[in-house]
Amino acid sequence: MYSEDVSSAPEIAWADLRTLAREATKRSYAPYSNVTVGAGALTSDGKTVVGSNVENASYGLTLCAECSLVSDLIREGGARLVAVSIVAGDGKPITPCGRCRQLLFEHGGADLLVDAGEGAAPRRLGELLPGAFGPEDLGIRRNP
């Protein structure tokens, strides 16, 4: 879908995705950490989806912005993720945590482009999560 040089993907409007993510931080629920996070993504069918983090007093139940983004993706029809920008409340891109890398892999695969910020080339999710376990592994790894 994209050449090996991810910076040559001009069809990705990174500034627009960052704007969506920054707007999403304003809808975060982060009363405990005061770290708001927003995510904006482009899908394979040309739509955009967004997400915001939602904290919980039982910290382990907190939902990252990427969880919210994937929920929006499914609500919008479940196309594949093509490019994603995740930003903290300061407006600067932030790399997804390990759990969220796996979540994004399920819905975008190794070629999903992850925003690295202004002036930096986006990174493929496969670089951030090498050797990922995906849906295709389930069929071949089941017990006989």
N, C-alpha and C. Protein backbone atom coordinates (compact mmCIF):
# COMPACT_ATOMS: atom_id res chain seq x y z
N MET A 1 0.82 -1.20 0.00
CA MET A 1 0.00 0.00 0.00
C MET A 1 0.86 1.26 0.00
N TYR A 2 1.95 1.24 0.77
CA TYR A 2 2.86 2.37 0.83
C TYR A 2 4.26 1.91 0.53
N SER A 3 5.08 2.80 0.02
CA SER A 3 6.47 2.44 -0.25
C SER A 3 7.21 2.24 1.07
N GLU A 4 8.39 1.66 0.98
CA GLU A 4 9.20 1.41 2.17
C GLU A 4 9.54 2.70 2.89
N ASP A 5 9.71 3.80 2.14
CA ASP A 5 10.00 5.09 2.74
C ASP A 5 8.68 5.71 3.19
N VAL A 6 8.38 5.60 4.48
CA VAL A 6 7.08 6.05 4.98
C VAL A 6 6.89 7.56 4.86
N SER A 7 7.96 8.32 4.74
CA SER A 7 7.81 9.76 4.60
C SER A 7 7.25 10.13 3.23
N SER A 8 7.20 9.16 2.30
CA SER A 8 6.69 9.44 0.96
C SER A 8 5.19 9.13 0.86
N ALA A 9 4.48 9.22 1.94
CA ALA A 9 3.04 8.98 1.93
C ALA A 9 2.31 10.33 2.01
N PRO A 10 2.32 11.11 0.89
CA PRO A 10 1.77 12.46 0.93
C PRO A 10 0.26 12.49 1.15
N GLU A 11 -0.42 11.37 0.92
CA GLU A 11 -1.86 11.36 1.09
C GLU A 11 -2.28 11.40 2.55
N ILE A 12 -1.32 11.26 3.46
CA ILE A 12 -1.62 11.34 4.89
C ILE A 12 -1.46 12.80 5.33
N ALA A 13 -2.54 13.40 5.75
CA ALA A 13 -2.50 14.79 6.22
C ALA A 13 -2.23 14.76 7.73
N TRP A 14 -0.94 14.62 8.08
CA TRP A 14 -0.56 14.48 9.48
C TRP A 14 -1.01 15.65 10.33
N ALA A 15 -0.94 16.85 9.81
CA ALA A 15 -1.37 18.02 10.58
C ALA A 15 -2.85 17.91 10.94
N ASP A 16 -3.66 17.41 10.01
CA ASP A 16 -5.09 17.24 10.28
C ASP A 16 -5.33 16.17 11.33
N LEU A 17 -4.58 15.07 11.26
CA LEU A 17 -4.73 14.02 12.26
C LEU A 17 -4.31 14.52 13.64
N ARG A 18 -3.23 15.31 13.69
CA ARG A 18 -2.80 15.89 14.98
C ARG A 18 -3.85 16.83 15.53
N THR A 19 -4.49 17.60 14.64
CA THR A 19 -5.55 18.51 15.09
C THR A 19 -6.71 17.71 15.69
N LEU A 20 -7.11 16.62 15.02
CA LEU A 20 -8.17 15.77 15.57
C LEU A 20 -7.78 15.23 16.94
N ALA A 21 -6.53 14.78 17.06
CA ALA A 21 -6.06 14.23 18.33
C ALA A 21 -6.01 15.31 19.41
N ARG A 22 -5.56 16.50 19.06
CA ARG A 22 -5.51 17.59 20.05
C ARG A 22 -6.90 17.96 20.52
N GLU A 23 -7.85 18.00 19.60
CA GLU A 23 -9.24 18.28 19.98
C GLU A 23 -9.78 17.19 20.90
N ALA A 24 -9.40 15.94 20.62
CA ALA A 24 -9.87 14.82 21.44
C ALA A 24 -9.35 14.90 22.86
N THR A 25 -8.16 15.50 23.06
CA THR A 25 -7.65 15.63 24.43
C THR A 25 -8.60 16.47 25.29
N LYS A 26 -9.32 17.37 24.65
CA LYS A 26 -10.25 18.23 25.38
C LYS A 26 -11.46 17.46 25.89
N ARG A 27 -11.67 16.25 25.36
CA ARG A 27 -12.80 15.42 25.78
C ARG A 27 -12.35 14.24 26.65
N SER A 28 -11.08 14.25 27.04
CA SER A 28 -10.57 13.20 27.91
C SER A 28 -11.18 13.32 29.30
N TYR A 29 -11.18 12.21 30.00
CA TYR A 29 -11.58 12.17 31.40
C TYR A 29 -10.35 11.69 32.17
N ALA A 30 -9.60 12.64 32.73
CA ALA A 30 -8.34 12.32 33.39
C ALA A 30 -8.21 13.03 34.74
N PRO A 31 -9.17 12.80 35.66
CA PRO A 31 -9.12 13.52 36.94
C PRO A 31 -8.02 13.03 37.88
N TYR A 32 -7.42 11.90 37.63
CA TYR A 32 -6.43 11.32 38.55
C TYR A 32 -5.01 11.67 38.13
N SER A 33 -4.67 11.48 36.88
CA SER A 33 -3.32 11.77 36.41
C SER A 33 -3.19 13.18 35.87
N ASN A 34 -4.29 13.76 35.45
CA ASN A 34 -4.28 15.05 34.75
C ASN A 34 -3.44 15.00 33.47
N VAL A 35 -3.32 13.82 32.88
CA VAL A 35 -2.65 13.65 31.61
C VAL A 35 -3.73 13.28 30.59
N THR A 36 -4.12 14.26 29.80
CA THR A 36 -5.12 13.98 28.78
C THR A 36 -4.41 13.48 27.52
N VAL A 37 -5.06 12.54 26.84
CA VAL A 37 -4.50 11.97 25.62
C VAL A 37 -5.63 11.87 24.60
N GLY A 38 -5.30 12.22 23.37
CA GLY A 38 -6.25 12.11 22.28
C GLY A 38 -5.62 11.40 21.11
N ALA A 39 -6.45 10.77 20.30
CA ALA A 39 -5.97 10.06 19.12
C ALA A 39 -6.87 10.38 17.94
N GLY A 40 -6.25 10.52 16.79
CA GLY A 40 -6.98 10.72 15.54
C GLY A 40 -6.36 9.82 14.49
N ALA A 41 -7.20 9.18 13.68
CA ALA A 41 -6.68 8.24 12.69
C ALA A 41 -7.43 8.34 11.38
N LEU A 42 -6.74 7.93 10.33
CA LEU A 42 -7.31 7.80 9.00
C LEU A 42 -7.56 6.33 8.74
N THR A 43 -8.71 6.02 8.14
CA THR A 43 -9.04 4.63 7.84
C THR A 43 -8.88 4.34 6.35
N SER A 44 -8.89 3.07 6.03
CA SER A 44 -8.71 2.63 4.65
C SER A 44 -9.83 3.09 3.73
N ASP A 45 -10.97 3.45 4.29
CA ASP A 45 -12.07 3.95 3.45
C ASP A 45 -12.14 5.48 3.45
N GLY A 46 -11.07 6.13 3.95
CA GLY A 46 -10.97 7.59 3.88
C GLY A 46 -11.65 8.34 5.01
N LYS A 47 -12.24 7.64 5.96
CA LYS A 47 -12.87 8.30 7.11
C LYS A 47 -11.82 8.59 8.17
N THR A 48 -12.20 9.42 9.12
CA THR A 48 -11.35 9.63 10.29
C THR A 48 -12.11 9.18 11.53
N VAL A 49 -11.36 8.72 12.51
CA VAL A 49 -11.91 8.30 13.79
C VAL A 49 -11.07 8.94 14.89
N VAL A 50 -11.68 9.11 16.06
CA VAL A 50 -10.99 9.76 17.17
C VAL A 50 -11.21 8.97 18.45
N GLY A 51 -10.37 9.28 19.43
CA GLY A 51 -10.52 8.68 20.75
C GLY A 51 -9.87 9.54 21.81
N SER A 52 -10.35 9.39 23.05
CA SER A 52 -9.82 10.12 24.20
C SER A 52 -9.63 9.14 25.35
N ASN A 53 -8.63 9.39 26.20
CA ASN A 53 -8.46 8.51 27.34
C ASN A 53 -9.56 8.74 28.37
N VAL A 54 -9.91 7.65 29.07
CA VAL A 54 -10.95 7.69 30.09
C VAL A 54 -10.39 6.96 31.31
N GLU A 55 -10.03 7.74 32.33
CA GLU A 55 -9.46 7.15 33.53
C GLU A 55 -10.55 6.56 34.42
N ASN A 56 -10.09 5.76 35.37
CA ASN A 56 -10.98 5.12 36.32
C ASN A 56 -10.28 5.11 37.68
N ALA A 57 -11.05 5.27 38.75
CA ALA A 57 -10.46 5.25 40.09
C ALA A 57 -9.71 3.95 40.35
N SER A 58 -10.15 2.88 39.74
CA SER A 58 -9.42 1.61 39.76
C SER A 58 -8.49 1.64 38.56
N TYR A 59 -7.30 2.17 38.74
CA TYR A 59 -6.40 2.53 37.65
C TYR A 59 -6.32 1.49 36.53
N GLY A 60 -6.35 0.23 36.86
CA GLY A 60 -6.24 -0.83 35.86
C GLY A 60 -7.38 -0.83 34.85
N LEU A 61 -8.48 -0.19 35.18
CA LEU A 61 -9.62 -0.13 34.27
C LEU A 61 -9.62 1.10 33.38
N THR A 62 -8.59 1.91 33.49
CA THR A 62 -8.46 3.09 32.63
C THR A 62 -8.38 2.67 31.17
N LEU A 63 -9.05 3.43 30.32
CA LEU A 63 -9.02 3.18 28.87
C LEU A 63 -8.14 4.23 28.21
N CYS A 64 -7.17 3.77 27.47
CA CYS A 64 -6.30 4.68 26.73
C CYS A 64 -7.08 5.29 25.56
N ALA A 65 -6.57 6.37 25.02
CA ALA A 65 -7.21 7.01 23.87
C ALA A 65 -7.33 6.05 22.69
N GLU A 66 -6.34 5.15 22.56
CA GLU A 66 -6.36 4.20 21.46
C GLU A 66 -7.53 3.22 21.59
N CYS A 67 -7.90 2.86 22.82
CA CYS A 67 -9.07 2.00 23.05
C CYS A 67 -10.33 2.70 22.56
N SER A 68 -10.45 3.96 22.92
CA SER A 68 -11.59 4.76 22.50
C SER A 68 -11.61 4.92 20.98
N LEU A 69 -10.44 5.10 20.38
CA LEU A 69 -10.33 5.25 18.93
C LEU A 69 -10.79 3.97 18.22
N VAL A 70 -10.37 2.82 18.71
CA VAL A 70 -10.79 1.55 18.10
C VAL A 70 -12.30 1.36 18.26
N SER A 71 -12.86 1.77 19.38
CA SER A 71 -14.32 1.71 19.54
C SER A 71 -15.01 2.57 18.50
N ASP A 72 -14.48 3.76 18.25
CA ASP A 72 -15.04 4.64 17.22
C ASP A 72 -14.88 4.01 15.84
N LEU A 73 -13.74 3.36 15.61
CA LEU A 73 -13.50 2.67 14.33
C LEU A 73 -14.58 1.62 14.09
N ILE A 74 -14.84 0.79 15.07
CA ILE A 74 -15.84 -0.27 14.92
C ILE A 74 -17.24 0.35 14.76
N ARG A 75 -17.52 1.39 15.52
CA ARG A 75 -18.82 2.08 15.40
C ARG A 75 -19.03 2.64 14.00
N GLU A 76 -17.94 3.06 13.35
CA GLU A 76 -18.01 3.64 12.01
C GLU A 76 -17.99 2.60 10.90
N GLY A 77 -17.92 1.33 11.24
CA GLY A 77 -18.00 0.30 10.21
C GLY A 77 -16.81 -0.63 10.13
N GLY A 78 -15.76 -0.35 10.89
CA GLY A 78 -14.66 -1.29 11.01
C GLY A 78 -13.67 -1.36 9.88
N ALA A 79 -13.43 -0.29 9.15
CA ALA A 79 -12.36 -0.30 8.13
C ALA A 79 -11.01 -0.48 8.82
N ARG A 80 -9.96 -0.63 8.07
CA ARG A 80 -8.61 -0.78 8.63
C ARG A 80 -8.02 0.59 8.93
N LEU A 81 -7.23 0.67 9.98
CA LEU A 81 -6.49 1.88 10.29
C LEU A 81 -5.29 1.99 9.34
N VAL A 82 -5.07 3.18 8.83
CA VAL A 82 -3.97 3.43 7.90
C VAL A 82 -2.89 4.29 8.55
N ALA A 83 -3.31 5.31 9.29
CA ALA A 83 -2.39 6.25 9.94
C ALA A 83 -3.02 6.75 11.23
N VAL A 84 -2.19 6.93 12.26
CA VAL A 84 -2.71 7.38 13.55
C VAL A 84 -1.76 8.40 14.17
N SER A 85 -2.37 9.41 14.80
CA SER A 85 -1.61 10.38 15.58
C SER A 85 -2.17 10.35 16.99
N ILE A 86 -1.29 10.20 17.95
CA ILE A 86 -1.68 10.18 19.36
C ILE A 86 -0.91 11.31 20.03
N VAL A 87 -1.62 12.19 20.74
CA VAL A 87 -0.97 13.32 21.38
C VAL A 87 -1.37 13.39 22.85
N ALA A 88 -0.46 13.94 23.65
CA ALA A 88 -0.77 14.21 25.06
C ALA A 88 -1.37 15.61 25.15
N GLY A 89 -1.76 15.99 26.33
CA GLY A 89 -2.39 17.29 26.54
C GLY A 89 -1.53 18.47 26.15
N ASP A 90 -0.21 18.27 26.06
CA ASP A 90 0.65 19.37 25.62
C ASP A 90 0.62 19.54 24.11
N GLY A 91 -0.13 18.66 23.41
CA GLY A 91 -0.28 18.76 21.97
C GLY A 91 0.78 18.06 21.16
N LYS A 92 1.77 17.46 21.82
CA LYS A 92 2.86 16.79 21.12
C LYS A 92 2.58 15.30 21.00
N PRO A 93 2.98 14.71 19.87
CA PRO A 93 2.77 13.27 19.69
C PRO A 93 3.43 12.44 20.80
N ILE A 94 2.75 11.36 21.14
CA ILE A 94 3.23 10.43 22.14
C ILE A 94 3.13 9.02 21.55
N THR A 95 4.10 8.19 21.81
CA THR A 95 4.11 6.83 21.28
C THR A 95 3.15 5.97 22.10
N PRO A 96 2.38 5.11 21.44
CA PRO A 96 1.44 4.27 22.19
C PRO A 96 2.15 3.27 23.09
N CYS A 97 1.54 2.95 24.21
CA CYS A 97 2.09 1.95 25.13
C CYS A 97 2.00 0.56 24.48
N GLY A 98 2.61 -0.42 25.10
CA GLY A 98 2.63 -1.77 24.55
C GLY A 98 1.25 -2.35 24.34
N ARG A 99 0.37 -2.20 25.31
CA ARG A 99 -1.00 -2.71 25.20
C ARG A 99 -1.70 -2.09 24.00
N CYS A 100 -1.51 -0.80 23.83
CA CYS A 100 -2.19 -0.12 22.73
C CYS A 100 -1.55 -0.44 21.38
N ARG A 101 -0.28 -0.74 21.37
CA ARG A 101 0.36 -1.17 20.12
C ARG A 101 -0.31 -2.46 19.65
N GLN A 102 -0.56 -3.38 20.58
CA GLN A 102 -1.21 -4.64 20.23
C GLN A 102 -2.65 -4.37 19.74
N LEU A 103 -3.35 -3.49 20.41
CA LEU A 103 -4.72 -3.13 20.02
C LEU A 103 -4.73 -2.52 18.62
N LEU A 104 -3.81 -1.61 18.35
CA LEU A 104 -3.73 -0.99 17.03
C LEU A 104 -3.32 -2.00 15.96
N PHE A 105 -2.46 -2.95 16.32
CA PHE A 105 -2.03 -3.98 15.37
C PHE A 105 -3.23 -4.80 14.89
N GLU A 106 -4.13 -5.10 15.78
CA GLU A 106 -5.32 -5.88 15.43
C GLU A 106 -6.13 -5.18 14.33
N HIS A 107 -6.13 -3.84 14.34
CA HIS A 107 -7.01 -3.09 13.44
C HIS A 107 -6.26 -2.31 12.36
N GLY A 108 -4.93 -2.39 12.35
CA GLY A 108 -4.17 -1.70 11.33
C GLY A 108 -3.01 -2.50 10.78
N GLY A 109 -2.56 -3.49 11.53
CA GLY A 109 -1.46 -4.33 11.07
C GLY A 109 -0.11 -3.65 11.16
N ALA A 110 0.89 -4.36 10.70
CA ALA A 110 2.27 -3.91 10.80
C ALA A 110 2.54 -2.66 9.97
N ASP A 111 1.75 -2.41 8.92
CA ASP A 111 1.98 -1.25 8.05
C ASP A 111 1.29 0.02 8.53
N LEU A 112 0.55 -0.04 9.64
CA LEU A 112 -0.08 1.17 10.18
C LEU A 112 1.00 2.20 10.46
N LEU A 113 0.81 3.42 9.96
CA LEU A 113 1.76 4.50 10.17
C LEU A 113 1.43 5.24 11.46
N VAL A 114 2.44 5.43 12.30
CA VAL A 114 2.28 6.08 13.60
C VAL A 114 3.05 7.41 13.57
N ASP A 115 2.35 8.48 13.87
CA ASP A 115 2.92 9.83 13.85
C ASP A 115 4.09 9.93 14.82
N ALA A 116 5.18 10.50 14.34
CA ALA A 116 6.36 10.72 15.18
C ALA A 116 6.58 12.21 15.45
N GLY A 117 5.69 13.06 14.96
CA GLY A 117 5.78 14.49 15.23
C GLY A 117 6.25 15.29 14.04
N GLU A 118 6.13 16.60 14.17
CA GLU A 118 6.53 17.53 13.10
C GLU A 118 7.98 17.29 12.70
N GLY A 119 8.21 17.20 11.40
CA GLY A 119 9.56 17.06 10.88
C GLY A 119 10.17 15.68 11.02
N ALA A 120 9.46 14.75 11.63
CA ALA A 120 9.97 13.39 11.78
C ALA A 120 9.12 12.45 10.92
N ALA A 121 9.76 11.48 10.33
CA ALA A 121 9.04 10.50 9.51
C ALA A 121 8.19 9.60 10.41
N PRO A 122 6.97 9.31 9.99
CA PRO A 122 6.16 8.37 10.77
C PRO A 122 6.83 7.01 10.80
N ARG A 123 6.47 6.22 11.80
CA ARG A 123 7.03 4.87 11.92
C ARG A 123 5.94 3.85 11.68
N ARG A 124 6.31 2.74 11.10
CA ARG A 124 5.37 1.63 10.92
C ARG A 124 5.19 0.94 12.26
N LEU A 125 3.97 0.52 12.52
CA LEU A 125 3.68 -0.17 13.78
C LEU A 125 4.52 -1.43 13.92
N GLY A 126 4.83 -2.09 12.81
CA GLY A 126 5.67 -3.28 12.85
C GLY A 126 7.05 -3.02 13.44
N GLU A 127 7.54 -1.78 13.31
CA GLU A 127 8.82 -1.40 13.93
C GLU A 127 8.66 -1.25 15.43
N LEU A 128 7.50 -0.75 15.85
CA LEU A 128 7.25 -0.52 17.27
C LEU A 128 6.80 -1.79 18.00
N LEU A 129 6.32 -2.76 17.24
CA LEU A 129 5.83 -4.01 17.82
C LEU A 129 6.28 -5.17 16.94
N PRO A 130 7.59 -5.44 16.94
CA PRO A 130 8.09 -6.52 16.07
C PRO A 130 7.59 -7.88 16.55
N GLY A 131 7.33 -8.76 15.59
CA GLY A 131 6.90 -10.11 15.93
C GLY A 131 5.54 -10.18 16.59
N ALA A 132 4.67 -9.24 16.27
CA ALA A 132 3.35 -9.17 16.91
C ALA A 132 2.52 -10.42 16.67
N PHE A 133 1.70 -10.75 17.63
CA PHE A 133 0.73 -11.84 17.55
C PHE A 133 -0.56 -11.24 17.01
N GLY A 134 -1.07 -11.80 15.92
CA GLY A 134 -2.27 -11.25 15.31
C GLY A 134 -3.34 -12.29 15.09
N PRO A 135 -4.47 -11.87 14.55
CA PRO A 135 -5.59 -12.78 14.32
C PRO A 135 -5.23 -14.00 13.48
N GLU A 136 -4.31 -13.82 12.51
CA GLU A 136 -3.93 -14.94 11.66
C GLU A 136 -3.21 -16.04 12.44
N ASP A 137 -2.63 -15.68 13.59
CA ASP A 137 -1.94 -16.68 14.42
C ASP A 137 -2.91 -17.62 15.12
N LEU A 138 -4.11 -17.19 15.34
CA LEU A 138 -5.08 -18.02 16.08
C LEU A 138 -5.38 -19.32 15.37
N GLY A 139 -5.54 -19.27 14.07
CA GLY A 139 -5.88 -20.48 13.32
C GLY A 139 -4.75 -21.50 13.30
N ILE A 140 -3.53 -21.05 13.30
CA ILE A 140 -2.40 -21.98 13.22
C ILE A 140 -1.83 -22.38 14.56
N ARG A 141 -2.25 -21.73 15.63
CA ARG A 141 -1.69 -22.01 16.95
C ARG A 141 -2.63 -22.77 17.88
N ARG A 142 -3.83 -23.11 17.38
CA ARG A 142 -4.78 -23.85 18.22
C ARG A 142 -4.30 -25.27 18.46
N ASN A 143 -4.69 -25.81 19.58
CA ASN A 143 -4.39 -27.22 19.87
C ASN A 143 -5.07 -28.13 18.86
N PRO A 144 -4.43 -29.25 18.51
CA PRO A 144 -5.03 -30.17 17.54
C PRO A 144 -6.26 -30.87 18.12
